[in-house]
Protein backbone atom coordinates (compact mmCIF):
# COMPACT_ATOMS: atom_id res chain seq x y z
CA MET A 1 10.38 -2.11 10.24
CA GLY A 2 11.40 -3.93 7.04
CA ALA A 3 11.10 -7.29 8.77
CA ILE A 4 7.48 -6.54 9.65
CA PHE A 5 6.63 -5.78 6.02
CA GLY A 6 8.46 -8.91 4.90
CA LEU A 7 6.36 -11.09 7.21
CA LEU A 8 2.95 -9.71 6.22
CA PRO A 9 2.54 -11.80 3.04
CA VAL A 10 3.71 -14.88 4.95
CA LEU A 11 1.11 -14.24 7.64
CA GLY A 12 -1.55 -13.93 4.97
CA LEU A 13 -0.51 -17.23 3.39
CA LEU A 14 -0.56 -18.97 6.77
CA SER A 15 -3.99 -17.72 7.81
CA LEU A 16 -5.97 -19.89 5.38
CA PRO A 17 -4.22 -23.22 6.17
CA LEU A 18 -4.38 -22.49 9.90
CA GLY A 19 -8.09 -21.80 9.65
CA ILE A 20 -8.73 -25.00 7.71
CA ILE A 21 -6.64 -27.10 10.11
CA GLY A 22 -8.44 -25.55 13.06
CA LEU A 23 -11.85 -26.33 11.66
CA VAL A 24 -10.87 -29.92 10.77
CA LEU A 25 -9.49 -30.54 14.27
CA ALA A 26 -12.57 -29.06 15.91
CA ILE A 27 -14.92 -31.14 13.74
CA MET A 28 -12.88 -34.30 14.39
CA SER A 29 -12.99 -33.79 18.13
CA PHE A 30 -16.73 -33.20 18.17
CA THR A 31 -17.54 -36.24 15.98
CA THR A 32 -15.23 -38.74 17.71
CA ASN A 33 -15.92 -37.52 21.26
CA HIS A 34 -12.28 -37.91 22.19
CA SER A 35 -10.55 -35.43 24.46
CA THR A 36 -11.53 -31.81 24.52
CA ALA A 37 -7.88 -30.87 23.94
CA MET A 38 -8.27 -31.39 20.21
CA SER A 39 -11.30 -29.12 20.04
CA VAL A 40 -9.55 -26.46 22.09
CA ILE A 41 -6.50 -26.62 19.80
CA GLY A 42 -8.77 -26.43 16.76
CA LEU A 43 -10.61 -23.43 18.07
CA LEU A 44 -7.34 -21.68 19.01
CA LEU A 45 -5.91 -22.27 15.53
CA SER A 46 -9.09 -20.95 13.96
CA LEU A 47 -8.98 -17.83 16.13
CA LEU A 48 -5.30 -17.33 15.28
CA ALA A 49 -6.13 -17.57 11.58
CA ILE A 50 -8.92 -15.03 11.92
CA ALA A 51 -6.61 -12.68 13.87
CA LEU A 52 -3.88 -12.95 11.21
CA PHE A 53 -6.39 -12.24 8.47
CA ALA A 54 -7.77 -9.23 10.38
CA ILE A 55 -4.27 -7.83 10.96
CA GLN A 56 -3.40 -8.12 7.29
CA ALA A 57 -6.70 -6.58 6.22
CA PHE A 58 -6.19 -3.69 8.65
CA VAL A 59 -2.63 -2.99 7.49
CA TRP A 60 -3.22 -3.16 3.75
CA ALA A 61 -6.79 -1.93 3.47
CA GLY A 62 -6.87 0.35 6.50
CA SER A 63 -5.39 3.31 4.70
CA ASN A 64 -6.31 6.67 6.18
CA ASP A 65 -6.26 10.21 4.75
CA ARG A 66 -5.46 12.08 7.96
CA THR A 67 -5.42 15.81 7.18
CA ALA A 68 -3.45 15.32 3.98
CA THR A 69 -3.07 17.73 1.10
CA HIS A 70 -1.18 17.52 -2.14
CA GLY A 71 0.86 19.88 -4.22
CA GLY A 72 1.92 19.39 -7.77
CA GLY A 73 2.87 20.83 -11.08
CA PRO A 74 5.81 20.53 -13.41
CA SER A 75 9.26 21.46 -12.18
CA ALA A 76 11.39 23.97 -14.01
CA SER A 77 13.57 21.15 -15.38
CA SER A 78 10.67 19.30 -16.99
CA ASP A 79 11.21 18.41 -20.63
CA ASN A 80 7.85 16.74 -20.95
CA GLU A 81 5.17 19.25 -20.00
CA GLN A 82 2.34 16.98 -21.24
CA ALA A 83 3.48 14.10 -19.04
CA PHE A 84 3.54 16.37 -15.97
CA LYS A 85 0.09 17.73 -16.75
CA SER A 86 -1.32 14.21 -17.10
CA VAL A 87 -0.46 13.24 -13.51
CA LYS A 88 -3.49 13.36 -11.21
CA ILE A 89 -2.86 12.84 -7.49
CA ALA A 90 -5.96 11.18 -6.04
CA LYS A 91 -4.55 10.62 -2.56
CA CYS A 92 -1.69 12.04 -0.56
CA GLY A 93 -1.96 10.76 2.96
CA ILE A 94 -0.78 8.51 5.73
CA ASN A 95 -1.77 4.84 5.99
CA ALA A 96 -2.61 2.85 9.13
CA LEU A 97 1.11 2.27 9.82
CA ASP A 98 1.84 6.03 9.70
CA LEU A 99 3.69 5.71 6.38
CA PRO A 100 3.20 8.26 3.57
CA VAL A 101 1.14 7.02 0.60
CA VAL A 102 0.63 8.64 -2.81
CA GLU A 103 -1.99 7.32 -5.25
CA GLY A 104 -3.16 8.64 -8.58
CA THR A 105 -3.17 8.26 -12.33
CA VAL A 106 -0.91 9.21 -15.23
CA VAL A 107 -1.25 9.15 -19.03
CA ASN A 108 1.34 7.70 -21.40
CA THR A 109 1.96 10.74 -23.61
CA SER A 110 4.48 8.94 -25.83
CA GLU A 111 3.82 7.37 -29.20
CA HIS A 112 4.67 3.82 -28.02
CA LYS A 113 3.72 1.35 -25.28
CA ALA A 114 5.65 2.40 -22.18
CA THR A 115 6.07 2.38 -18.43
CA VAL A 116 5.62 5.81 -16.86
CA ARG A 117 7.59 6.52 -13.67
CA ILE A 118 6.46 9.31 -11.37
CA GLY A 119 8.60 10.87 -8.63
CA PHE A 120 7.31 12.87 -5.66
CA ASP A 121 8.80 14.92 -2.85
CA ILE A 122 6.93 14.47 0.42
CA THR A 123 7.07 17.29 2.95
CA ASP A 124 5.39 17.97 6.27
CA GLY A 125 3.12 20.90 7.09
CA VAL A 126 6.00 23.34 7.63
CA GLY A 127 7.81 22.32 4.43
CA THR A 128 10.46 20.01 5.91
CA ARG A 129 11.26 17.22 3.49
CA ILE A 130 10.18 13.81 4.85
CA ASP A 131 11.27 11.65 1.93
CA ALA A 132 10.94 11.02 -1.79
CA ALA A 133 8.64 8.48 -3.38
CA GLN A 134 8.45 6.91 -6.80
CA GLY A 135 5.55 5.11 -8.42
CA GLN A 136 4.91 3.70 -11.85
CA ALA A 137 2.17 2.69 -14.24
CA GLU A 138 3.33 -0.19 -16.42
CA ASP A 139 2.67 -1.24 -20.01
CA LEU A 140 0.48 1.70 -21.00
CA ALA A 141 -0.55 2.10 -24.62
CA PRO A 142 -0.18 5.58 -26.15
CA GLY A 143 -2.81 7.85 -24.59
CA GLN A 144 -3.81 5.27 -21.98
CA ARG A 145 -4.31 6.36 -18.35
CA GLY A 146 -2.88 4.06 -15.67
CA ARG A 147 -2.95 3.95 -11.86
CA PHE A 148 0.05 4.16 -9.55
CA THR A 149 0.48 3.72 -5.79
CA THR A 150 3.56 4.48 -3.74
CA VAL A 151 4.26 3.78 -0.08
CA VAL A 152 7.33 5.30 1.54
CA LEU A 153 8.67 2.49 3.71
CA ALA A 154 11.71 4.34 5.03
CA LYS A 155 10.02 7.01 7.14
CA GLN A 156 7.16 6.84 9.58
CA VAL A 157 5.22 10.05 10.16
CA ARG A 158 3.67 11.07 13.44
CA PRO A 159 -0.11 10.59 13.54
CA HIS A 160 -2.17 13.58 12.37
CA THR A 161 0.81 15.12 10.53
CA LYS A 162 -0.24 17.16 7.53
CA ILE A 163 1.82 16.09 4.50
CA THR A 164 2.23 17.49 1.00
CA CYS A 165 3.08 15.41 -2.08
CA THR A 166 4.73 17.47 -4.81
CA LEU A 167 5.29 16.08 -8.27
CA ALA A 168 9.05 16.12 -8.92
CA ASP A 169 9.69 14.01 -12.00
CA VAL A 170 7.99 12.06 -14.78
CA GLN A 171 9.89 9.61 -16.99
CA ILE A 172 8.49 7.61 -19.87
CA ASP A 173 10.47 4.44 -20.61
């Protein structure tokens, strides 16, 4: 699974040059009236580029909130009640690759510019722990609200599984 995620940015980088090469080859073959092989190769490269772009767009933008809920609240061990209260979970769901995703915002409650790290426990509908996730909002000024997004790459979840994202920890660095 990790190899697939490692290749996605490479596929995205290749899609633009492949599309340009395909168009150039197709135009060259039509203007010079040489063999149709060049135009076929150009069209195939263009179609491959479009397919790679569509795959990447589907994977990264095709996030889906299938029957997801979220939990939350400070844990008993929380030393920073304000930091816990500032966390707002906007999305707790499963993306197009059936991986848990947590998105939301947090406020820097410290008196200095800081990175705020947020930890979550992710459980299924019956309370069985799926995994933990950690997100962060970087370089926030005091009182500034920042966005975070986490994707749990280690565990896939069956489609239509109800998940719960519970706030577990907030650290201000």
